[in-house]
Protein backbone atom coordinates (compact mmCIF):
# COMPACT_ATOMS: atom_id res chain seq x y z
CA MET A 1 30.21 6.26 -23.07
CA SER A 2 28.17 3.77 -21.10
CA THR A 3 27.64 0.07 -21.46
CA THR A 4 24.81 -2.13 -20.30
CA THR A 5 24.92 -5.70 -19.17
CA ASP A 6 22.29 -8.40 -19.04
CA THR A 7 20.99 -8.93 -15.52
CA SER A 8 18.37 -11.53 -16.31
CA THR A 9 18.14 -15.12 -17.26
CA SER A 10 15.82 -18.08 -16.84
CA VAL A 11 17.05 -21.54 -15.97
CA ASN A 12 15.20 -24.85 -16.08
CA VAL A 13 16.29 -26.77 -13.00
CA HIS A 14 15.46 -30.45 -13.05
CA ALA A 15 15.55 -32.09 -9.62
CA CYS A 16 15.73 -35.80 -10.28
CA SER A 17 14.61 -38.44 -7.83
CA CYS A 18 13.03 -41.87 -8.28
CA CYS A 19 13.27 -41.48 -12.07
CA ARG A 20 11.04 -38.43 -12.13
CA ILE A 21 11.93 -34.97 -13.34
CA CYS A 22 10.60 -32.13 -11.23
CA SER A 23 11.03 -29.05 -13.35
CA LEU A 24 11.57 -25.72 -11.74
CA GLU A 25 11.49 -22.70 -14.03
CA GLU A 26 13.72 -20.23 -12.24
CA ALA A 27 14.34 -16.58 -12.92
CA SER A 28 16.62 -15.53 -10.14
CA SER A 29 20.33 -15.60 -9.55
CA HIS A 30 23.19 -13.14 -9.94
CA GLY A 31 26.23 -12.16 -11.93
CA HIS A 32 26.86 -11.04 -15.49
CA GLY A 33 28.79 -12.09 -18.55
CA ASP A 34 28.20 -13.42 -22.02
CA ASP A 35 24.47 -13.57 -22.54
CA SER A 36 24.39 -14.52 -26.16
CA MET A 37 23.09 -18.00 -25.45
CA ALA A 38 19.34 -18.16 -24.85
CA GLY A 39 17.04 -20.72 -23.34
CA HIS A 40 19.59 -23.09 -21.80
CA ASP A 41 18.60 -25.70 -19.30
CA GLY A 42 20.24 -26.49 -16.01
CA HIS A 43 20.07 -29.75 -14.13
CA ALA A 44 20.01 -30.01 -10.35
CA MET A 45 20.97 -33.55 -9.44
CA ALA A 46 19.99 -35.28 -6.22
CA ASN A 47 22.05 -38.25 -5.12
CA SER A 48 23.56 -38.49 -8.61
CA ALA A 49 20.26 -39.77 -10.00
CA THR A 50 19.41 -38.26 -13.37
CA THR A 51 16.87 -39.14 -16.00
CA THR A 52 14.73 -37.59 -18.70
CA MET A 53 11.05 -37.57 -19.42
CA THR A 54 9.74 -38.17 -22.89
CA ASP A 55 6.80 -36.38 -24.44
CA ASN A 56 4.67 -39.47 -23.84
CA ASP A 57 5.68 -39.56 -20.19
CA MET A 58 4.75 -35.91 -19.85
CA ALA A 59 1.41 -36.59 -21.48
CA ASP A 60 0.73 -39.34 -18.97
CA GLU A 61 1.70 -37.09 -16.08
CA HIS A 62 -0.62 -34.22 -16.90
CA ALA A 63 -4.36 -34.11 -17.34
CA GLU A 64 -5.83 -33.23 -20.70
CA HIS A 65 -5.47 -29.53 -21.36
CA LYS A 66 -8.33 -27.94 -23.21
CA GLY A 67 -7.83 -25.21 -25.77
CA HIS A 68 -7.73 -21.61 -24.80
CA GLY A 69 -7.95 -18.32 -26.53
CA ALA A 70 -5.80 -15.27 -26.39
CA GLY A 71 -5.38 -12.43 -23.98
CA ASP A 72 -7.65 -12.45 -20.98
CA LYS A 73 -9.21 -15.71 -22.05
CA HIS A 74 -6.09 -17.40 -20.72
CA ALA A 75 -6.98 -16.20 -17.28
CA ASP A 76 -9.75 -18.81 -17.21
CA HIS A 77 -7.09 -21.53 -17.11
CA GLY A 78 -8.00 -23.72 -14.14
CA PRO A 79 -10.23 -23.22 -11.09
CA ASP A 80 -10.95 -19.88 -9.49
CA HIS A 81 -8.47 -19.98 -6.61
CA ASN A 82 -9.20 -16.33 -5.87
CA GLY A 83 -12.80 -17.27 -5.07
CA HIS A 84 -11.75 -20.12 -2.79
CA GLU A 85 -9.26 -17.94 -0.97
CA THR A 86 -11.86 -15.21 -0.47
CA MET A 87 -14.43 -17.72 0.78
CA PHE A 88 -12.14 -19.26 3.40
CA ARG A 89 -10.82 -15.85 4.50
CA LYS A 90 -14.34 -14.46 4.95
CA ARG A 91 -15.56 -17.51 6.86
CA PHE A 92 -12.45 -17.48 9.05
CA PHE A 93 -12.86 -13.86 10.16
CA ILE A 94 -16.60 -14.17 10.76
CA ALA A 95 -16.26 -17.47 12.63
CA THR A 96 -13.34 -16.16 14.70
CA ALA A 97 -15.23 -13.00 15.68
CA LEU A 98 -18.27 -15.02 16.72
CA SER A 99 -16.06 -17.44 18.67
CA VAL A 100 -15.24 -14.70 21.19
CA PRO A 101 -18.62 -14.74 22.97
CA VAL A 102 -18.67 -18.56 22.84
CA LEU A 103 -15.31 -18.71 24.61
CA PHE A 104 -16.16 -15.90 27.03
CA TRP A 105 -19.44 -17.51 28.20
CA SER A 106 -18.06 -21.07 28.12
CA GLN A 107 -18.29 -22.71 31.56
CA THR A 108 -15.04 -24.57 30.88
CA ILE A 109 -13.11 -21.41 30.07
CA GLN A 110 -14.60 -19.60 33.07
CA GLY A 111 -13.40 -22.43 35.28
CA TRP A 112 -9.89 -22.38 33.84
CA PHE A 113 -9.42 -18.64 34.25
CA ASN A 114 -11.51 -18.31 37.43
CA TYR A 115 -13.95 -15.62 36.33
CA SER A 116 -17.72 -15.35 35.98
CA ALA A 117 -19.36 -14.08 32.81
CA PRO A 118 -22.29 -11.69 33.33
CA GLU A 119 -25.69 -13.34 33.44
CA PHE A 120 -28.95 -11.94 32.11
CA PRO A 121 -32.17 -13.38 30.68
CA GLY A 122 -31.18 -15.49 27.67
CA SER A 123 -27.45 -15.44 28.39
CA GLU A 124 -27.48 -19.22 28.73
CA LEU A 125 -28.43 -19.43 25.02
CA ILE A 126 -25.49 -17.36 23.74
CA VAL A 127 -23.07 -20.27 23.56
CA PRO A 128 -25.30 -22.89 21.89
CA VAL A 129 -26.92 -20.43 19.45
CA VAL A 130 -23.70 -18.79 18.30
CA ALA A 131 -21.88 -22.13 18.19
CA THR A 132 -24.66 -23.54 16.02
CA PHE A 133 -24.17 -20.73 13.52
CA ILE A 134 -20.38 -21.29 13.50
CA PHE A 135 -20.88 -25.03 13.01
CA ILE A 136 -23.19 -24.49 10.02
CA TYR A 137 -21.40 -21.49 8.47
CA GLY A 138 -17.78 -22.30 9.25
CA GLY A 139 -18.06 -26.07 9.12
CA PHE A 140 -19.97 -26.30 5.84
CA PRO A 141 -16.85 -26.43 3.58
CA PHE A 142 -15.44 -29.35 5.56
CA LEU A 143 -18.76 -31.19 5.79
CA SER A 144 -19.31 -30.90 2.04
CA MET A 145 -15.76 -32.05 1.23
CA ALA A 146 -16.12 -34.93 3.69
CA THR A 147 -19.22 -36.04 1.81
CA PHE A 148 -17.14 -36.12 -1.36
CA GLU A 149 -14.43 -38.21 0.33
CA LEU A 150 -16.96 -40.67 1.69
CA ARG A 151 -18.61 -41.04 -1.70
CA LYS A 152 -15.20 -42.07 -3.06
CA ARG A 153 -14.76 -44.33 -0.02
CA GLN A 154 -11.50 -42.54 0.70
CA PRO A 155 -11.88 -40.87 4.11
CA ALA A 156 -9.08 -38.37 4.70
CA MET A 157 -8.52 -35.04 6.45
CA MET A 158 -11.94 -33.57 5.66
CA THR A 159 -13.70 -36.64 7.00
CA LEU A 160 -11.60 -36.56 10.16
CA ILE A 161 -12.33 -32.85 10.74
CA SER A 162 -16.04 -33.34 10.02
CA LEU A 163 -16.21 -36.29 12.39
CA ALA A 164 -14.69 -34.23 15.20
CA ILE A 165 -16.87 -31.13 14.75
CA THR A 166 -20.06 -33.12 14.17
CA VAL A 167 -19.58 -35.25 17.28
CA ALA A 168 -18.55 -32.21 19.33
CA TYR A 169 -21.61 -30.27 18.18
CA GLY A 170 -24.06 -33.14 18.63
CA PHE A 171 -22.85 -33.99 22.14
CA SER A 172 -22.72 -30.32 23.15
CA MET A 173 -26.30 -29.76 22.05
CA LEU A 174 -27.27 -32.84 24.03
CA THR A 175 -25.72 -31.32 27.16
CA VAL A 176 -27.98 -28.28 26.73
CA PHE A 177 -31.01 -30.49 27.37
CA LEU A 178 -29.28 -33.10 29.55
CA PRO A 179 -26.66 -31.25 31.63
CA SER A 180 -26.01 -34.34 33.71
CA ILE A 181 -24.15 -36.18 30.94
CA GLY A 182 -21.12 -33.86 31.18
CA GLU A 183 -19.57 -30.61 30.03
CA ASP A 184 -20.12 -29.35 26.51
CA PHE A 185 -17.48 -29.08 23.78
CA PHE A 186 -18.71 -25.83 22.25
CA TRP A 187 -15.38 -24.06 22.91
CA GLU A 188 -13.49 -26.94 21.30
CA LEU A 189 -15.88 -26.95 18.36
CA VAL A 190 -15.47 -23.27 17.47
CA THR A 191 -11.69 -23.18 17.95
CA LEU A 192 -11.26 -26.28 15.80
CA ILE A 193 -13.33 -24.74 13.02
CA ASP A 194 -11.39 -21.46 13.28
CA ILE A 195 -8.03 -23.21 13.04
CA MET A 196 -9.06 -25.33 10.08
CA LEU A 197 -10.55 -22.35 8.22
CA PHE A 198 -7.31 -20.46 8.74
CA GLY A 199 -5.23 -23.38 7.47
CA HIS A 200 -7.28 -23.77 4.32
CA TRP A 201 -7.28 -20.02 3.74
CA MET A 202 -3.47 -20.14 3.77
CA GLU A 203 -3.49 -23.14 1.44
CA MET A 204 -5.77 -21.40 -1.08
CA LYS A 205 -3.61 -18.31 -0.81
CA SER A 206 -0.53 -20.32 -1.73
CA VAL A 207 -2.33 -21.88 -4.69
CA ARG A 208 -3.45 -18.45 -5.87
CA GLN A 209 0.11 -17.10 -5.59
CA ALA A 210 1.40 -20.01 -7.59
CA SER A 211 -1.29 -19.55 -10.24
CA GLY A 212 -0.28 -15.86 -10.45
CA ALA A 213 2.64 -17.06 -12.55
CA LEU A 214 0.14 -18.72 -14.87
CA GLY A 215 -1.81 -15.48 -15.15
CA ALA A 216 1.36 -13.57 -16.00
CA LEU A 217 2.11 -16.03 -18.79
CA ALA A 218 -1.45 -15.78 -20.09
CA LYS A 219 -1.18 -12.00 -20.37
CA LEU A 220 1.73 -12.38 -22.79
CA MET A 221 -0.63 -13.50 -25.52
CA PRO A 222 -2.19 -10.71 -27.62
CA ASP A 223 -5.92 -10.67 -28.24
CA THR A 224 -5.61 -10.07 -31.99
CA ALA A 225 -3.32 -10.89 -34.88
CA ASP A 226 -2.63 -9.15 -38.19
CA VAL A 227 -3.01 -11.71 -41.00
CA GLU A 228 -1.64 -10.93 -44.45
CA ALA A 229 -3.47 -12.40 -47.43
CA PRO A 230 -1.65 -13.54 -50.62
CA ASP A 231 -2.66 -10.26 -52.30
CA GLY A 232 -0.94 -8.26 -49.56
CA THR A 233 -4.02 -7.05 -47.70
CA VAL A 234 -3.76 -7.17 -43.91
CA THR A 235 -6.74 -8.13 -41.74
CA THR A 236 -6.94 -8.03 -37.96
CA ILE A 237 -8.57 -11.14 -36.50
CA PRO A 238 -8.85 -12.66 -33.00
CA ALA A 239 -5.63 -14.54 -32.24
CA ILE A 240 -7.66 -17.62 -31.32
CA GLU A 241 -8.77 -17.91 -34.96
CA LEU A 242 -5.25 -18.24 -36.36
CA ASP A 243 -4.46 -21.37 -38.37
CA GLN A 244 -1.18 -23.00 -39.26
CA GLY A 245 0.26 -21.82 -42.55
CA GLN A 246 -1.18 -18.30 -42.36
CA THR A 247 1.13 -15.33 -42.73
CA ILE A 248 1.12 -12.85 -39.85
CA LEU A 249 2.52 -9.35 -39.77
CA ILE A 250 4.40 -8.49 -36.58
CA ARG A 251 4.89 -4.76 -36.31
CA PRO A 252 7.42 -3.05 -34.01
CA GLY A 253 6.17 -3.14 -30.41
CA ALA A 254 3.61 -5.88 -31.12
CA SER A 255 3.42 -9.24 -29.35
CA VAL A 256 3.76 -12.42 -31.39
CA PRO A 257 0.34 -14.14 -31.49
CA ALA A 258 1.58 -17.64 -32.44
CA ASP A 259 4.74 -19.65 -32.99
CA GLY A 260 6.11 -19.18 -36.48
CA ILE A 261 9.05 -18.88 -38.87
CA ILE A 262 10.06 -15.50 -40.29
CA ILE A 263 9.70 -15.36 -44.08
CA ASP A 264 10.40 -11.66 -44.57
CA GLY A 265 12.12 -8.86 -42.63
CA GLU A 266 14.30 -8.75 -39.55
CA SER A 267 14.01 -7.20 -36.10
CA ASP A 268 14.92 -7.64 -32.45
CA PHE A 269 12.64 -9.73 -30.24
CA ASP A 270 12.31 -9.48 -26.47
CA GLU A 271 12.04 -13.06 -25.19
CA ALA A 272 12.79 -12.30 -21.54
CA LEU A 273 9.55 -13.68 -20.13
CA ILE A 274 9.95 -16.93 -22.08
CA THR A 275 13.69 -17.65 -22.05
CA GLY A 276 14.80 -15.26 -19.29
CA GLU A 277 17.26 -13.49 -21.61
CA SER A 278 16.75 -9.77 -21.18
CA ARG A 279 18.83 -8.79 -24.20
CA PRO A 280 16.68 -8.71 -27.36
CA VAL A 281 17.48 -11.41 -29.90
CA LYS A 282 17.98 -10.29 -33.51
CA LYS A 283 16.03 -12.49 -35.89
CA GLY A 284 15.73 -12.64 -39.65
CA VAL A 285 14.42 -14.93 -42.37
CA ASP A 286 14.06 -18.61 -41.33
CA ALA A 287 14.39 -17.72 -37.63
CA THR A 288 11.73 -18.96 -35.18
CA VAL A 289 9.46 -16.55 -33.32
CA ILE A 290 7.73 -17.62 -30.10
CA ALA A 291 4.17 -16.74 -29.17
CA GLY A 292 4.08 -14.16 -26.38
CA THR A 293 7.42 -12.54 -27.20
CA VAL A 294 7.58 -8.90 -28.31
CA ASN A 295 9.01 -7.29 -31.42
CA SER A 296 11.16 -4.75 -29.59
CA GLY A 297 13.10 -3.67 -32.66
CA SER A 298 12.34 -1.12 -35.34
CA GLY A 299 11.49 -3.48 -38.17
CA ALA A 300 8.28 -5.23 -39.15
CA VAL A 301 8.49 -8.91 -40.00
CA ARG A 302 6.25 -11.44 -41.64
CA ALA A 303 6.09 -14.96 -40.27
CA LYS A 304 4.41 -18.19 -41.29
CA VAL A 305 2.38 -19.68 -38.43
CA THR A 306 3.68 -23.10 -37.34
CA ALA A 307 1.78 -23.60 -34.08
CA THR A 308 -1.29 -22.11 -32.42
CA GLY A 309 -3.27 -22.62 -29.21
CA ASP A 310 -2.15 -25.67 -27.22
CA ASP A 311 0.72 -26.41 -29.59
CA THR A 312 2.71 -23.23 -28.84
CA ALA A 313 5.76 -23.17 -26.60
CA LEU A 314 4.00 -20.74 -24.25
CA SER A 315 1.03 -23.09 -23.93
CA GLY A 316 3.44 -25.89 -23.01
CA ILE A 317 4.82 -23.82 -20.15
CA MET A 318 1.29 -22.98 -19.03
CA LYS A 319 0.39 -26.68 -18.99
CA LEU A 320 3.31 -27.36 -16.64
CA VAL A 321 2.23 -24.60 -14.27
CA ALA A 322 -1.41 -25.72 -14.35
CA ALA A 323 -0.33 -29.30 -13.61
CA ALA A 324 1.66 -28.04 -10.63
CA GLU A 325 -1.45 -26.40 -9.20
CA ALA A 326 -3.29 -29.72 -9.27
CA SER A 327 -0.44 -31.79 -7.89
CA LYS A 328 0.51 -32.60 -4.31
CA SER A 329 3.92 -33.06 -2.77
CA PRO A 330 4.85 -36.37 -1.08
CA THR A 331 4.46 -34.62 2.28
CA GLN A 332 0.88 -33.66 1.44
CA LEU A 333 0.14 -37.19 0.25
CA LEU A 334 1.66 -38.55 3.47
CA ALA A 335 -0.57 -36.20 5.48
CA ASP A 336 -3.61 -37.48 3.57
CA ARG A 337 -2.64 -41.09 4.29
CA ALA A 338 -2.05 -40.21 7.94
CA ALA A 339 -5.50 -38.62 8.11
CA THR A 340 -7.06 -41.77 6.65
CA PHE A 341 -5.24 -43.88 9.23
CA LEU A 342 -6.25 -41.51 12.05
CA PHE A 343 -9.90 -41.64 10.95
CA TYR A 344 -10.06 -45.40 11.25
CA ALA A 345 -7.94 -45.30 14.41
CA ALA A 346 -10.34 -42.78 15.97
CA VAL A 347 -13.39 -44.89 15.13
CA ILE A 348 -11.76 -48.06 16.50
CA ALA A 349 -10.53 -46.25 19.62
CA ALA A 350 -14.02 -44.85 20.22
CA ALA A 351 -15.54 -48.31 19.84
CA LEU A 352 -13.03 -49.80 22.29
CA THR A 353 -13.68 -46.92 24.70
CA ALA A 354 -17.41 -47.59 24.55
CA LEU A 355 -16.86 -51.31 25.12
CA VAL A 356 -14.43 -50.93 28.02
CA TRP A 357 -16.39 -48.26 29.89
CA THR A 358 -19.66 -50.11 29.33
CA LEU A 359 -18.13 -53.11 31.04
CA ILE A 360 -16.69 -50.97 33.84
CA TYR A 361 -19.97 -49.13 34.53
CA GLY A 362 -22.07 -52.19 33.93
CA GLY A 363 -23.99 -50.52 31.14
CA PHE A 364 -23.87 -47.87 28.40
CA ASP A 365 -24.72 -44.59 30.14
CA GLU A 366 -23.97 -40.87 29.83
CA ARG A 367 -20.48 -41.29 31.33
CA THR A 368 -19.51 -43.69 28.56
CA ILE A 369 -20.95 -41.34 25.93
CA ALA A 370 -18.85 -38.47 27.30
CA ARG A 371 -15.67 -40.53 27.06
CA VAL A 372 -16.45 -41.75 23.54
CA VAL A 373 -17.06 -38.18 22.39
CA THR A 374 -13.84 -37.03 24.05
CA VAL A 375 -11.84 -39.64 22.15
CA LEU A 376 -13.42 -38.68 18.81
CA VAL A 377 -12.85 -34.94 19.35
CA ILE A 378 -9.26 -35.33 20.53
CA ALA A 379 -8.51 -37.62 17.57
CA CYS A 380 -8.81 -34.67 15.15
CA PRO A 381 -5.22 -33.47 14.56
CA HIS A 382 -5.32 -29.68 14.79
CA ALA A 383 -1.60 -29.45 14.00
CA LEU A 384 -1.76 -31.78 10.99
CA GLY A 385 -4.64 -29.83 9.49
CA LEU A 386 -2.80 -26.54 9.94
CA ALA A 387 0.88 -27.39 9.47
CA ILE A 388 0.74 -28.84 5.95
CA PRO A 389 -1.20 -25.91 4.40
CA LEU A 390 1.16 -23.43 6.07
CA VAL A 391 4.25 -25.25 4.80
CA VAL A 392 2.84 -25.33 1.27
CA SER A 393 1.83 -21.67 1.57
CA ASN A 394 5.26 -20.48 2.65
CA THR A 395 7.11 -22.59 0.10
CA THR A 396 5.03 -21.60 -2.91
CA ALA A 397 4.94 -17.95 -1.83
CA VAL A 398 8.73 -17.76 -1.64
CA ALA A 399 9.00 -19.56 -4.99
CA ALA A 400 6.53 -17.21 -6.67
CA GLU A 401 8.28 -14.12 -5.29
CA ASN A 402 11.53 -15.34 -6.85
CA GLY A 403 10.02 -16.13 -10.21
CA ILE A 404 10.13 -19.91 -9.87
CA LEU A 405 7.47 -21.93 -11.69
CA ILE A 406 7.04 -25.33 -10.03
CA SER A 407 5.77 -27.97 -12.45
CA LYS A 408 5.41 -30.65 -9.78
CA ARG A 409 5.17 -30.10 -6.05
CA ALA A 410 7.24 -33.21 -5.43
CA ALA A 411 10.18 -30.96 -6.33
CA ILE A 412 9.60 -29.08 -3.08
CA ASP A 413 10.37 -32.22 -1.07
CA THR A 414 13.12 -33.41 -3.40
CA ALA A 415 15.01 -30.12 -3.16
CA ARG A 416 16.03 -30.83 0.43
CA ASN A 417 18.22 -33.69 -0.81
CA LEU A 418 20.15 -31.59 -3.31
CA ASN A 419 23.86 -31.22 -2.68
CA VAL A 420 25.01 -30.14 -6.16
CA VAL A 421 23.30 -27.79 -8.60
CA VAL A 422 24.71 -27.75 -12.14
CA PHE A 423 23.58 -24.96 -14.48
CA ASP A 424 23.99 -25.89 -18.13
CA LYS A 425 24.04 -22.23 -19.09
CA THR A 426 26.82 -20.53 -21.01
CA GLY A 427 27.50 -17.12 -19.53
CA THR A 428 25.02 -15.23 -17.46
CA LEU A 429 22.84 -16.24 -14.53
CA THR A 430 20.85 -13.13 -13.81
CA THR A 431 17.72 -11.57 -12.34
CA GLY A 432 15.43 -10.61 -15.21
CA GLN A 433 16.24 -7.02 -16.16
CA MET A 434 19.03 -5.20 -17.94
CA GLY A 435 21.01 -2.59 -16.04
CA VAL A 436 24.12 -0.44 -16.19
CA ALA A 437 26.90 -2.42 -14.53
CA GLU A 438 29.99 -0.29 -15.25
CA MET A 439 30.92 2.90 -17.10
CA ALA A 440 34.09 4.28 -18.68
CA THR A 441 34.58 7.80 -20.06
CA VAL A 442 37.34 9.80 -21.75
CA GLU A 443 39.23 12.47 -19.85
CA GLY A 444 37.15 15.56 -19.23
CA VAL A 445 33.79 13.75 -19.21
CA THR A 446 32.44 12.45 -15.89
CA PRO A 447 30.46 9.20 -15.76
CA GLU A 448 27.47 11.19 -14.49
CA ARG A 449 27.62 13.53 -17.50
CA ALA A 450 27.91 10.62 -19.94
CA LEU A 451 24.98 8.84 -18.32
CA ALA A 452 22.87 12.01 -18.37
CA LEU A 453 23.50 12.51 -22.11
CA ALA A 454 22.76 8.86 -22.88
CA ALA A 455 19.53 8.96 -20.83
CA ALA A 456 18.46 12.15 -22.62
CA VAL A 457 18.97 10.65 -26.07
CA GLU A 458 17.22 7.42 -25.06
CA GLY A 459 14.38 9.27 -23.36
CA ASP A 460 11.61 8.15 -25.72
CA SER A 461 12.92 4.70 -26.59
CA GLU A 462 11.30 1.50 -25.27
CA HIS A 463 14.34 -0.62 -26.05
CA PRO A 464 15.44 -2.64 -22.96
CA MET A 465 18.89 -1.03 -23.04
CA ALA A 466 17.33 2.42 -23.21
CA ARG A 467 15.16 1.63 -20.18
CA ALA A 468 18.23 0.37 -18.32
CA ILE A 469 20.09 3.61 -18.99
CA ARG A 470 17.15 5.76 -17.88
CA THR A 471 16.63 3.66 -14.75
CA SER A 472 20.30 3.98 -13.84
CA ALA A 473 20.13 7.76 -14.25
CA ASP A 474 17.03 7.92 -12.04
CA GLU A 475 18.66 5.79 -9.36
CA ARG A 476 21.62 8.16 -9.27
CA ASP A 477 19.33 11.26 -9.18
CA ILE A 478 21.02 12.68 -12.27
CA ASP A 479 19.44 15.67 -13.99
CA VAL A 480 18.72 14.62 -17.56
CA PRO A 481 18.72 17.45 -20.16
CA ALA A 482 15.94 17.78 -22.75
CA PRO A 483 16.91 16.47 -26.21
CA GLU A 484 15.99 18.01 -29.57
CA SER A 485 15.61 16.62 -33.11
CA PHE A 486 15.66 12.96 -32.12
CA GLU A 487 16.54 10.50 -34.90
CA ALA A 488 16.64 6.68 -34.91
CA LEU A 489 19.53 5.27 -36.91
CA LYS A 490 18.30 1.87 -38.06
CA GLY A 491 20.58 -0.92 -36.99
CA ARG A 492 23.13 1.46 -35.48
CA GLY A 493 21.63 3.51 -32.65
CA VAL A 494 20.05 6.91 -32.07
CA ARG A 495 20.98 10.59 -32.38
CA ALA A 496 19.69 13.76 -30.74
CA THR A 497 20.74 17.36 -30.31
CA ILE A 498 21.50 18.48 -26.75
CA ASP A 499 22.62 22.02 -25.93
CA GLY A 500 23.44 22.60 -29.62
CA SER A 501 25.63 19.49 -29.97
CA ASP A 502 24.84 16.19 -31.69
CA VAL A 503 24.95 13.23 -29.31
CA PHE A 504 25.03 9.67 -30.63
CA VAL A 505 24.26 6.53 -28.63
CA GLY A 506 24.91 3.12 -30.13
CA GLY A 507 27.26 0.20 -30.55
CA PRO A 508 30.16 -0.85 -32.80
CA ARG A 509 28.19 -0.36 -36.04
CA LEU A 510 27.54 3.24 -35.07
CA ILE A 511 31.27 3.81 -34.52
CA GLU A 512 32.00 2.31 -37.94
CA SER A 513 29.36 4.42 -39.69
CA LEU A 514 30.76 7.61 -38.14
CA LYS A 515 34.31 6.51 -39.12
CA LEU A 516 35.56 7.10 -35.59
CA GLU A 517 38.41 5.46 -33.76
CA LEU A 518 37.81 4.68 -30.10
CA PRO A 519 40.22 6.18 -27.58
CA GLN A 520 42.36 3.50 -25.94
CA ILE A 521 40.52 3.61 -22.60
CA LEU A 522 37.16 2.97 -24.29
CA ALA A 523 38.58 0.32 -26.61
CA GLU A 524 40.00 -1.60 -23.65
CA PHE A 525 36.77 -1.19 -21.71
CA SER A 526 34.61 -2.49 -24.58
CA ASN A 527 36.80 -5.60 -24.87
CA VAL A 528 36.48 -6.55 -21.18
C-alpha cells in the first residue's frame, strides 16, 4: 500500500512598507502535512509595518485593464516583450561584431597597445564608415527614446546616452576633416552603444521572463465553453461570449471557462495553478468553481456563471502580473532621477568647461571644443546604464524560475528589509506537485512491489495522485507490469487484473466497500 502527499502550495506574501502592499505570489517552499486548506495568504512583515489595500486602492494603483478573450487571445495581454528582446539582441550582436574593425583600426587603441594596423587604399575610411553605421543602427533605439523624453520635458537615461553618442559621433566626424582639433571618439562611441544595447537586451529579457508567468496564466483559460439551454440542449460557444447567469457544463478533464457556482453534480477540481494546492478539491452543489481550473474527477457538473472576462479571479491575478511588468522599483526610479541630474550636470559642466578654457586660451578654438566634447562623453554613466537592467534581469529571472509572481517591483527592494516571514497557511508549504513521500507494506510485500502494482493499476489515469505514483515508479526504475480489465470505481478508487489477481488502489472508502480491516502496520501508518 502506498500513500501520496501534497508537495505543492501557493502563498501570497505581502511585503509591507510605507503603507503599501507588495504582493508576491509564491509557489516554492518545502515540507508536507495537512493540505486540506486551500488558498491561504501569508504576510511577510518588514519593520513591523503592516497594512491592507482596498479594492479602490488597487484600482488606483493599476492602469485600466481592457477585456480579453479566452485561450491564446490572453497572450496579447500587454506589449510584445519578445519583439523588444529580439530587437535589442540582434542590434547588440551586429553592432558588437562591427565594433571589432573600428577598435582595431582606431589610432587611440593602436597607441595604447603599441601596434600598427595594416594600411591599404581606403583603410582610413574603415573607422568612420563603420562607426557611422553603428551610430545609426545601434543608436537609433536610444535616439528615438530620447526624443520621447525630451517631448515630455523629462530628460533621463535615454537623453543622457543620446547626448554622449551624438556628441562623440559629431566631434569624431569633424576630426576626419579637421584632424588638427584632436583625436576622434569613434572607439568610445561604438563601445558605449554596445554596452547600452547589451544592458537593454538584458532588461527586455527580464521583462519577458516575468511576463512568461502571465502567458502561463492565460493558457489556463479554454477557448470554448459548453452552454446548456433550459431545454437541456448543449451548445459549444467561444468562452469570450459567455454571460453571467448562463449554465455551463463542465465535463471530466475540461477546464472551467468562467467563475461560477455548481448547481448540479459533484467532482474533483484541480486548482493547483490558481491556489497552489496540488490535491484536487471535491466540490458539489453550491460550491464555487474558478475559471482556469480543471475538472480532474470523474463526474460532470453544471454551474451557473457568476463572473466572466475581467471579473474572474484568474483575470484579477493577470492584472496584478501585468501591472508588475509596467512598474519600476525604487532603485530604478532612483536611477532615472540620477540620470536626469547627470544630464543637467553634464550640460552645466560642459558650459563651464567652454567658458574656462575660452578664457585660458583667449578664445573659443578647437582645443576648447575637444575638452567640451570630452566632458559630455565622459558624463554618460556606462555603469548606471548597465547595472540597473542587469539587477532587474537577475532578480526577475530568479523569481520567475521559482514561480513567484511579482505584482509590484517595489517588493524587490523592500524584501531586503525583511527579518520575519509569517505564513498564514495551515499545514503544507510545498513545491507544486504531488509525490510519494513514504510507503508502508505488510509482511511479504516489498515497497517496490507495492509501488509497481499501484503504478500498473493507475497507468491510464490522469488523476494527480496517479501521476505521482507513476512518476515515483519511474524515478526508482521499477518494472511496471501490464494491467488487464481496468475498472474505475466511482468515488472509491480503481481496480485492475494483474497476473490473474485483482488489485485495488484507493482510499478509506474503498476499504469500507470491500469490508476489509487494515493490518495494524497499515492502520498506524495511515494515521500518521
